[in-house]
Amino acid sequence: MRLDKFLKVSRIIKRRTVANDACDAEHVTVNGKRAKASYDVKEGDLIEITFGQKTLKVRVLDVKEYTSKAEASSLYEVIG
């Protein structure tokens, strides 16, 4: 699944266009490398997103095309 779509489906970022813009602005890294919105997310990937002064680090636990709002947080775990 594309990185921008994963960020939306997991509800880490609410809209896919915003996720795409974050990737274009180089605010998103996967496994320590800058990632494009088209990056293919896999289980075990470490995603780091910078929101201004804050940084969110998550590990991908599962990749699903669709999920309910209640189950969205089960797709990843927050690290530090």
PDB file of N, CA and C in Angstrom:
ATOM      1  N   MET A   1       0.850  -1.178   0.000  1.00  0.00           N
ATOM      2  CA  MET A   1       0.000   0.000   0.000  1.00  0.00           C
ATOM      3  C   MET A   1       0.894   1.240   0.000  1.00  0.00           C
ATOM      4  N   ARG A   2       0.477   2.260  -0.723  1.00  0.00           N
ATOM      5  CA  ARG A   2       1.224   3.518  -0.775  1.00  0.00           C
ATOM      6  C   ARG A   2       1.286   4.165   0.610  1.00  0.00           C
ATOM      7  N   LEU A   3       2.375   4.863   0.880  1.00  0.00           N
ATOM      8  CA  LEU A   3       2.573   5.526   2.164  1.00  0.00           C
ATOM      9  C   LEU A   3       1.479   6.533   2.464  1.00  0.00           C
ATOM     10  N   ASP A   4       1.114   7.363   1.488  1.00  0.00           N
ATOM     11  CA  ASP A   4       0.082   8.377   1.742  1.00  0.00           C
ATOM     12  C   ASP A   4      -1.258   7.727   2.087  1.00  0.00           C
ATOM     13  N   LYS A   5      -1.576   6.625   1.429  1.00  0.00           N
ATOM     14  CA  LYS A   5      -2.835   5.929   1.719  1.00  0.00           C
ATOM     15  C   LYS A   5      -2.781   5.279   3.103  1.00  0.00           C
ATOM     16  N   PHE A   6      -1.635   4.685   3.467  1.00  0.00           N
ATOM     17  CA  PHE A   6      -1.511   4.078   4.794  1.00  0.00           C
ATOM     18  C   PHE A   6      -1.703   5.114   5.893  1.00  0.00           C
ATOM     19  N   LEU A   7      -1.097   6.293   5.725  1.00  0.00           N
ATOM     20  CA  LEU A   7      -1.236   7.348   6.733  1.00  0.00           C
ATOM     21  C   LEU A   7      -2.688   7.773   6.897  1.00  0.00           C
ATOM     22  N   LYS A   8      -3.453   7.764   5.795  1.00  0.00           N
ATOM     23  CA  LYS A   8      -4.870   8.116   5.866  1.00  0.00           C
ATOM     24  C   LYS A   8      -5.694   6.992   6.481  1.00  0.00           C
ATOM     25  N   VAL A   9      -5.500   5.756   6.002  1.00  0.00           N
ATOM     26  CA  VAL A   9      -6.284   4.615   6.495  1.00  0.00           C
ATOM     27  C   VAL A   9      -6.051   4.401   7.994  1.00  0.00           C
ATOM     28  N   SER A  10      -4.802   4.584   8.440  1.00  0.00           N
ATOM     29  CA  SER A  10      -4.479   4.405   9.855  1.00  0.00           C
ATOM     30  C   SER A  10      -4.883   5.618  10.685  1.00  0.00           C
ATOM     31  N   ARG A  11      -5.312   6.670  10.011  1.00  0.00           N
ATOM     32  CA  ARG A  11      -5.754   7.916  10.626  1.00  0.00           C
ATOM     33  C   ARG A  11      -4.652   8.639  11.398  1.00  0.00           C
ATOM     34  N   ILE A  12      -3.401   8.401  11.017  1.00  0.00           N
ATOM     35  CA  ILE A  12      -2.287   9.180  11.560  1.00  0.00           C
ATOM     36  C   ILE A  12      -2.392  10.591  10.990  1.00  0.00           C
ATOM     37  N   ILE A  13      -2.728  10.677   9.698  1.00  0.00           N
ATOM     38  CA  ILE A  13      -3.023  11.948   9.039  1.00  0.00           C
ATOM     39  C   ILE A  13      -4.427  11.805   8.452  1.00  0.00           C
ATOM     40  N   LYS A  14      -5.263  12.798   8.666  1.00  0.00           N
ATOM     41  CA  LYS A  14      -6.691  12.669   8.353  1.00  0.00           C
ATOM     42  C   LYS A  14      -7.030  12.615   6.866  1.00  0.00           C
ATOM     43  N   ARG A  15      -6.259  13.328   6.024  1.00  0.00           N
ATOM     44  CA  ARG A  15      -6.574  13.349   4.596  1.00  0.00           C
ATOM     45  C   ARG A  15      -5.375  12.917   3.772  1.00  0.00           C
ATOM     46  N   ARG A  16      -5.644  12.217   2.690  1.00  0.00           N
ATOM     47  CA  ARG A  16      -4.575  11.703   1.837  1.00  0.00           C
ATOM     48  C   ARG A  16      -3.789  12.838   1.180  1.00  0.00           C
ATOM     49  N   THR A  17      -4.471  13.917   0.816  1.00  0.00           N
ATOM     50  CA  THR A  17      -3.756  15.042   0.197  1.00  0.00           C
ATOM     51  C   THR A  17      -2.779  15.675   1.184  1.00  0.00           C
ATOM     52  N   VAL A  18      -3.159  15.733   2.453  1.00  0.00           N
ATOM     53  CA  VAL A  18      -2.271  16.279   3.487  1.00  0.00           C
ATOM     54  C   VAL A  18      -1.073  15.343   3.673  1.00  0.00           C
ATOM     55  N   ALA A  19      -1.317  14.040   3.653  1.00  0.00           N
ATOM     56  CA  ALA A  19      -0.239  13.056   3.757  1.00  0.00           C
ATOM     57  C   ALA A  19       0.713  13.198   2.570  1.00  0.00           C
ATOM     58  N   ASN A  20       0.144  13.388   1.388  1.00  0.00           N
ATOM     59  CA  ASN A  20       0.945  13.563   0.185  1.00  0.00           C
ATOM     60  C   ASN A  20       1.812  14.816   0.287  1.00  0.00           C
ATOM     61  N   ASP A  21       1.228  15.906   0.759  1.00  0.00           N
ATOM     62  CA  ASP A  21       1.968  17.161   0.925  1.00  0.00           C
ATOM     63  C   ASP A  21       3.095  17.003   1.951  1.00  0.00           C
ATOM     64  N   ALA A  22       2.844  16.275   3.032  1.00  0.00           N
ATOM     65  CA  ALA A  22       3.867  16.047   4.064  1.00  0.00           C
ATOM     66  C   ALA A  22       5.046  15.271   3.480  1.00  0.00           C
ATOM     67  N   CYS A  23       4.761  14.294   2.645  1.00  0.00           N
ATOM     68  CA  CYS A  23       5.827  13.524   1.989  1.00  0.00           C
ATOM     69  C   CYS A  23       6.609  14.410   1.022  1.00  0.00           C
ATOM     70  N   ASP A  24       5.911  15.230   0.247  1.00  0.00           N
ATOM     71  CA  ASP A  24       6.563  16.127  -0.718  1.00  0.00           C
ATOM     72  C   ASP A  24       7.466  17.141  -0.007  1.00  0.00           C
ATOM     73  N   ALA A  25       7.052  17.569   1.196  1.00  0.00           N
ATOM     74  CA  ALA A  25       7.815  18.559   1.960  1.00  0.00           C
ATOM     75  C   ALA A  25       8.919  17.896   2.786  1.00  0.00           C
ATOM     76  N   GLU A  26       9.119  16.602   2.606  1.00  0.00           N
ATOM     77  CA  GLU A  26      10.153  15.827   3.290  1.00  0.00           C
ATOM     78  C   GLU A  26       9.988  15.826   4.809  1.00  0.00           C
ATOM     79  N   HIS A  27       8.743  15.747   5.282  1.00  0.00           N
ATOM     80  CA  HIS A  27       8.457  15.646   6.709  1.00  0.00           C
ATOM     81  C   HIS A  27       8.284  14.196   7.145  1.00  0.00           C
ATOM     82  N   VAL A  28       8.374  13.255   6.195  1.00  0.00           N
ATOM     83  CA  VAL A  28       8.140  11.847   6.494  1.00  0.00           C
ATOM     84  C   VAL A  28       9.363  11.021   6.114  1.00  0.00           C
ATOM     85  N   THR A  29       9.812  10.170   7.061  1.00  0.00           N
ATOM     86  CA  THR A  29      10.885   9.227   6.754  1.00  0.00           C
ATOM     87  C   THR A  29      10.393   7.816   7.060  1.00  0.00           C
ATOM     88  N   VAL A  30      10.916   6.852   6.320  1.00  0.00           N
ATOM     89  CA  VAL A  30      10.618   5.443   6.569  1.00  0.00           C
ATOM     90  C   VAL A  30      11.956   4.730   6.717  1.00  0.00           C
ATOM     91  N   ASN A  31      12.133   4.065   7.845  1.00  0.00           N
ATOM     92  CA  ASN A  31      13.379   3.367   8.150  1.00  0.00           C
ATOM     93  C   ASN A  31      14.591   4.289   8.013  1.00  0.00           C
ATOM     94  N   GLY A  32      14.428   5.551   8.434  1.00  0.00           N
ATOM     95  CA  GLY A  32      15.528   6.501   8.446  1.00  0.00           C
ATOM     96  C   GLY A  32      15.810   7.215   7.136  1.00  0.00           C
ATOM     97  N   LYS A  33      15.030   6.946   6.094  1.00  0.00           N
ATOM     98  CA  LYS A  33      15.254   7.580   4.786  1.00  0.00           C
ATOM     99  C   LYS A  33      14.031   8.393   4.388  1.00  0.00           C
ATOM    100  N   ARG A  34      14.259   9.526   3.712  1.00  0.00           N
ATOM    101  CA  ARG A  34      13.140  10.333   3.206  1.00  0.00           C
ATOM    102  C   ARG A  34      12.282   9.464   2.304  1.00  0.00           C
ATOM    103  N   ALA A  35      10.973   9.577   2.456  1.00  0.00           N
ATOM    104  CA  ALA A  35      10.071   8.707   1.700  1.00  0.00           C
ATOM    105  C   ALA A  35       9.114   9.523   0.851  1.00  0.00           C
ATOM    106  N   LYS A  36       8.878   9.038  -0.349  1.00  0.00           N
ATOM    107  CA  LYS A  36       7.873   9.645  -1.222  1.00  0.00           C
ATOM    108  C   LYS A  36       6.518   9.045  -0.886  1.00  0.00           C
ATOM    109  N   ALA A  37       5.461   9.714  -1.316  1.00  0.00           N
ATOM    110  CA  ALA A  37       4.099   9.252  -1.062  1.00  0.00           C
ATOM    111  C   ALA A  37       3.843   7.894  -1.702  1.00  0.00           C
ATOM    112  N   SER A  38       4.601   7.560  -2.735  1.00  0.00           N
ATOM    113  CA  SER A  38       4.392   6.296  -3.449  1.00  0.00           C
ATOM    114  C   SER A  38       5.144   5.125  -2.826  1.00  0.00           C
ATOM    115  N   TYR A  39       5.889   5.355  -1.734  1.00  0.00           N
ATOM    116  CA  TYR A  39       6.624   4.277  -1.076  1.00  0.00           C
ATOM    117  C   TYR A  39       5.658   3.155  -0.680  1.00  0.00           C
ATOM    118  N   ASP A  40       6.078   1.902  -0.890  1.00  0.00           N
ATOM    119  CA  ASP A  40       5.243   0.737  -0.586  1.00  0.00           C
ATOM    120  C   ASP A  40       5.454   0.320   0.868  1.00  0.00           C
ATOM    121  N   VAL A  41       4.464   0.607   1.722  1.00  0.00           N
ATOM    122  CA  VAL A  41       4.559   0.312   3.160  1.00  0.00           C
ATOM    123  C   VAL A  41       4.434  -1.189   3.403  1.00  0.00           C
ATOM    124  N   LYS A  42       5.309  -1.697   4.300  1.00  0.00           N
ATOM    125  CA  LYS A  42       5.292  -3.111   4.671  1.00  0.00           C
ATOM    126  C   LYS A  42       5.270  -3.225   6.195  1.00  0.00           C
ATOM    127  N   GLU A  43       4.814  -4.359   6.708  1.00  0.00           N
ATOM    128  CA  GLU A  43       4.828  -4.592   8.150  1.00  0.00           C
ATOM    129  C   GLU A  43       6.256  -4.486   8.656  1.00  0.00           C
ATOM    130  N   GLY A  44       6.425  -3.859   9.813  1.00  0.00           N
ATOM    131  CA  GLY A  44       7.743  -3.709  10.401  1.00  0.00           C
ATOM    132  C   GLY A  44       8.442  -2.407  10.049  1.00  0.00           C
ATOM    133  N   ASP A  45       7.917  -1.658   9.061  1.00  0.00           N
ATOM    134  CA  ASP A  45       8.518  -0.368   8.701  1.00  0.00           C
ATOM    135  C   ASP A  45       8.412   0.602   9.874  1.00  0.00           C
ATOM    136  N   LEU A  46       9.422   1.440  10.030  1.00  0.00           N
ATOM    137  CA  LEU A  46       9.435   2.470  11.058  1.00  0.00           C
ATOM    138  C   LEU A  46       9.211   3.814  10.376  1.00  0.00           C
ATOM    139  N   ILE A  47       8.059   4.429  10.640  1.00  0.00           N
ATOM    140  CA  ILE A  47       7.685   5.700  10.004  1.00  0.00           C
ATOM    141  C   ILE A  47       7.866   6.819  11.019  1.00  0.00           C
ATOM    142  N   GLU A  48       8.519   7.895  10.587  1.00  0.00           N
ATOM    143  CA  GLU A  48       8.733   9.057  11.439  1.00  0.00           C
ATOM    144  C   GLU A  48       8.169  10.284  10.732  1.00  0.00           C
ATOM    145  N   ILE A  49       7.267  10.995  11.408  1.00  0.00           N
ATOM    146  CA  ILE A  49       6.605  12.163  10.827  1.00  0.00           C
ATOM    147  C   ILE A  49       6.886  13.371  11.706  1.00  0.00           C
ATOM    148  N   THR A  50       7.315  14.471  11.080  1.00  0.00           N
ATOM    149  CA  THR A  50       7.608  15.696  11.814  1.00  0.00           C
ATOM    150  C   THR A  50       6.468  16.678  11.619  1.00  0.00           C
ATOM    151  N   PHE A  51       5.854  17.075  12.743  1.00  0.00           N
ATOM    152  CA  PHE A  51       4.788  18.086  12.747  1.00  0.00           C
ATOM    153  C   PHE A  51       5.350  19.304  13.478  1.00  0.00           C
ATOM    154  N   GLY A  52       5.889  20.268  12.759  1.00  0.00           N
ATOM    155  CA  GLY A  52       6.487  21.440  13.404  1.00  0.00           C
ATOM    156  C   GLY A  52       7.659  21.018  14.276  1.00  0.00           C
ATOM    157  N   GLN A  53       7.536  21.232  15.593  1.00  0.00           N
ATOM    158  CA  GLN A  53       8.598  20.854  16.534  1.00  0.00           C
ATOM    159  C   GLN A  53       8.443  19.425  17.054  1.00  0.00           C
ATOM    160  N   LYS A  54       7.278  18.805  16.821  1.00  0.00           N
ATOM    161  CA  LYS A  54       7.025  17.462  17.340  1.00  0.00           C
ATOM    162  C   LYS A  54       7.311  16.402  16.295  1.00  0.00           C
ATOM    163  N   THR A  55       7.749  15.243  16.768  1.00  0.00           N
ATOM    164  CA  THR A  55       8.015  14.119  15.881  1.00  0.00           C
ATOM    165  C   THR A  55       7.248  12.907  16.393  1.00  0.00           C
ATOM    166  N   LEU A  56       6.560  12.228  15.484  1.00  0.00           N
ATOM    167  CA  LEU A  56       5.814  11.022  15.812  1.00  0.00           C
ATOM    168  C   LEU A  56       6.509   9.843  15.151  1.00  0.00           C
ATOM    169  N   LYS A  57       6.847   8.830  15.979  1.00  0.00           N
ATOM    170  CA  LYS A  57       7.475   7.618  15.456  1.00  0.00           C
ATOM    171  C   LYS A  57       6.517   6.463  15.652  1.00  0.00           C
ATOM    172  N   VAL A  58       6.248   5.723  14.577  1.00  0.00           N
ATOM    173  CA  VAL A  58       5.359   4.560  14.665  1.00  0.00           C
ATOM    174  C   VAL A  58       5.963   3.373  13.923  1.00  0.00           C
ATOM    175  N   ARG A  59       5.650   2.179  14.410  1.00  0.00           N
ATOM    176  CA  ARG A  59       6.040   0.950  13.720  1.00  0.00           C
ATOM    177  C   ARG A  59       4.783   0.345  13.122  1.00  0.00           C
ATOM    178  N   VAL A  60       4.849  -0.030  11.852  1.00  0.00           N
ATOM    179  CA  VAL A  60       3.710  -0.606  11.143  1.00  0.00           C
ATOM    180  C   VAL A  60       3.511  -2.047  11.615  1.00  0.00           C
ATOM    181  N   LEU A  61       2.325  -2.348  12.128  1.00  0.00           N
ATOM    182  CA  LEU A  61       2.000  -3.699  12.592  1.00  0.00           C
ATOM    183  C   LEU A  61       1.197  -4.474  11.564  1.00  0.00           C
ATOM    184  N   ASP A  62       0.379  -3.769  10.787  1.00  0.00           N
ATOM    185  CA  ASP A  62      -0.494  -4.424   9.808  1.00  0.00           C
ATOM    186  C   ASP A  62      -0.807  -3.434   8.690  1.00  0.00           C
ATOM    187  N   VAL A  63      -1.047  -3.959   7.511  1.00  0.00           N
ATOM    188  CA  VAL A  63      -1.406  -3.116   6.360  1.00  0.00           C
ATOM    189  C   VAL A  63      -2.737  -3.617   5.821  1.00  0.00           C
ATOM    190  N   LYS A  64      -3.766  -2.771   5.908  1.00  0.00           N
ATOM    191  CA  LYS A  64      -5.107  -3.114   5.412  1.00  0.00           C
ATOM    192  C   LYS A  64      -5.605  -2.005   4.506  1.00  0.00           C
ATOM    193  N   GLU A  65      -6.353  -2.388   3.468  1.00  0.00           N
ATOM    194  CA  GLU A  65      -6.905  -1.400   2.539  1.00  0.00           C
ATOM    195  C   GLU A  65      -7.939  -0.501   3.216  1.00  0.00           C
ATOM    196  N   TYR A  66      -8.750  -1.085   4.073  1.00  0.00           N
ATOM    197  CA  TYR A  66      -9.802  -0.338   4.762  1.00  0.00           C
ATOM    198  C   TYR A  66      -9.843  -0.771   6.219  1.00  0.00           C
ATOM    199  N   THR A  67     -10.219   0.142   7.097  1.00  0.00           N
ATOM    200  CA  THR A  67     -10.389  -0.183   8.506  1.00  0.00           C
ATOM    201  C   THR A  67     -11.367   0.803   9.126  1.00  0.00           C
ATOM    202  N   SER A  68     -12.006   0.374  10.194  1.00  0.00           N
ATOM    203  CA  SER A  68     -12.930   1.281  10.883  1.00  0.00           C
ATOM    204  C   SER A  68     -12.128   2.239  11.756  1.00  0.00           C
ATOM    205  N   LYS A  69     -12.763   3.298  12.174  1.00  0.00           N
ATOM    206  CA  LYS A  69     -12.091   4.292  13.016  1.00  0.00           C
ATOM    207  C   LYS A  69     -11.598   3.652  14.310  1.00  0.00           C
ATOM    208  N   ALA A  70     -12.400   2.755  14.870  1.00  0.00           N
ATOM    209  CA  ALA A  70     -12.042   2.095  16.125  1.00  0.00           C
ATOM    210  C   ALA A  70     -10.828   1.178  15.978  1.00  0.00           C
ATOM    211  N   GLU A  71     -10.659   0.584  14.806  1.00  0.00           N
ATOM    212  CA  GLU A  71      -9.561  -0.362  14.586  1.00  0.00           C
ATOM    213  C   GLU A  71      -8.317   0.283  13.982  1.00  0.00           C
ATOM    214  N   ALA A  72      -8.392   1.552  13.608  1.00  0.00           N
ATOM    215  CA  ALA A  72      -7.287   2.215  12.906  1.00  0.00           C
ATOM    216  C   ALA A  72      -5.985   2.172  13.697  1.00  0.00           C
ATOM    217  N   SER A  73      -6.057   2.365  14.998  1.00  0.00           N
ATOM    218  CA  SER A  73      -4.833   2.400  15.807  1.00  0.00           C
ATOM    219  C   SER A  73      -4.181   1.036  15.948  1.00  0.00           C
ATOM    220  N   SER A  74      -4.868  -0.034  15.553  1.00  0.00           N
ATOM    221  CA  SER A  74      -4.271  -1.375  15.620  1.00  0.00           C
ATOM    222  C   SER A  74      -3.299  -1.627  14.468  1.00  0.00           C
ATOM    223  N   LEU A  75      -3.246  -0.718  13.499  1.00  0.00           N
ATOM    224  CA  LEU A  75      -2.358  -0.878  12.353  1.00  0.00           C
ATOM    225  C   LEU A  75      -0.917  -0.473  12.675  1.00  0.00           C
ATOM    226  N   TYR A  76      -0.722   0.233  13.795  1.00  0.00           N
ATOM    227  CA  TYR A  76       0.611   0.719  14.149  1.00  0.00           C
ATOM    228  C   TYR A  76       0.764   0.810  15.656  1.00  0.00           C
ATOM    229  N   GLU A  77       2.029   0.898  16.099  1.00  0.00           N
ATOM    230  CA  GLU A  77       2.302   1.175  17.507  1.00  0.00           C
ATOM    231  C   GLU A  77       3.192   2.404  17.597  1.00  0.00           C
ATOM    232  N   VAL A  78       2.904   3.265  18.553  1.00  0.00           N
ATOM    233  CA  VAL A  78       3.688   4.487  18.747  1.00  0.00           C
ATOM    234  C   VAL A  78       4.952   4.130  19.523  1.00  0.00           C
ATOM    235  N   ILE A  79       6.072   4.627  19.025  1.00  0.00           N
ATOM    236  CA  ILE A  79       7.368   4.383  19.671  1.00  0.00           C
ATOM    237  C   ILE A  79       7.911   5.710  20.169  1.00  0.00           C
ATOM    238  N   GLY A  80       8.220   5.756  21.445  1.00  0.00           N
ATOM    239  CA  GLY A  80       8.832   6.966  22.042  1.00  0.00           C
ATOM    240  C   GLY A  80       8.118   8.182  21.740  1.00  0.00           C
TER     241      GLY A  80
END
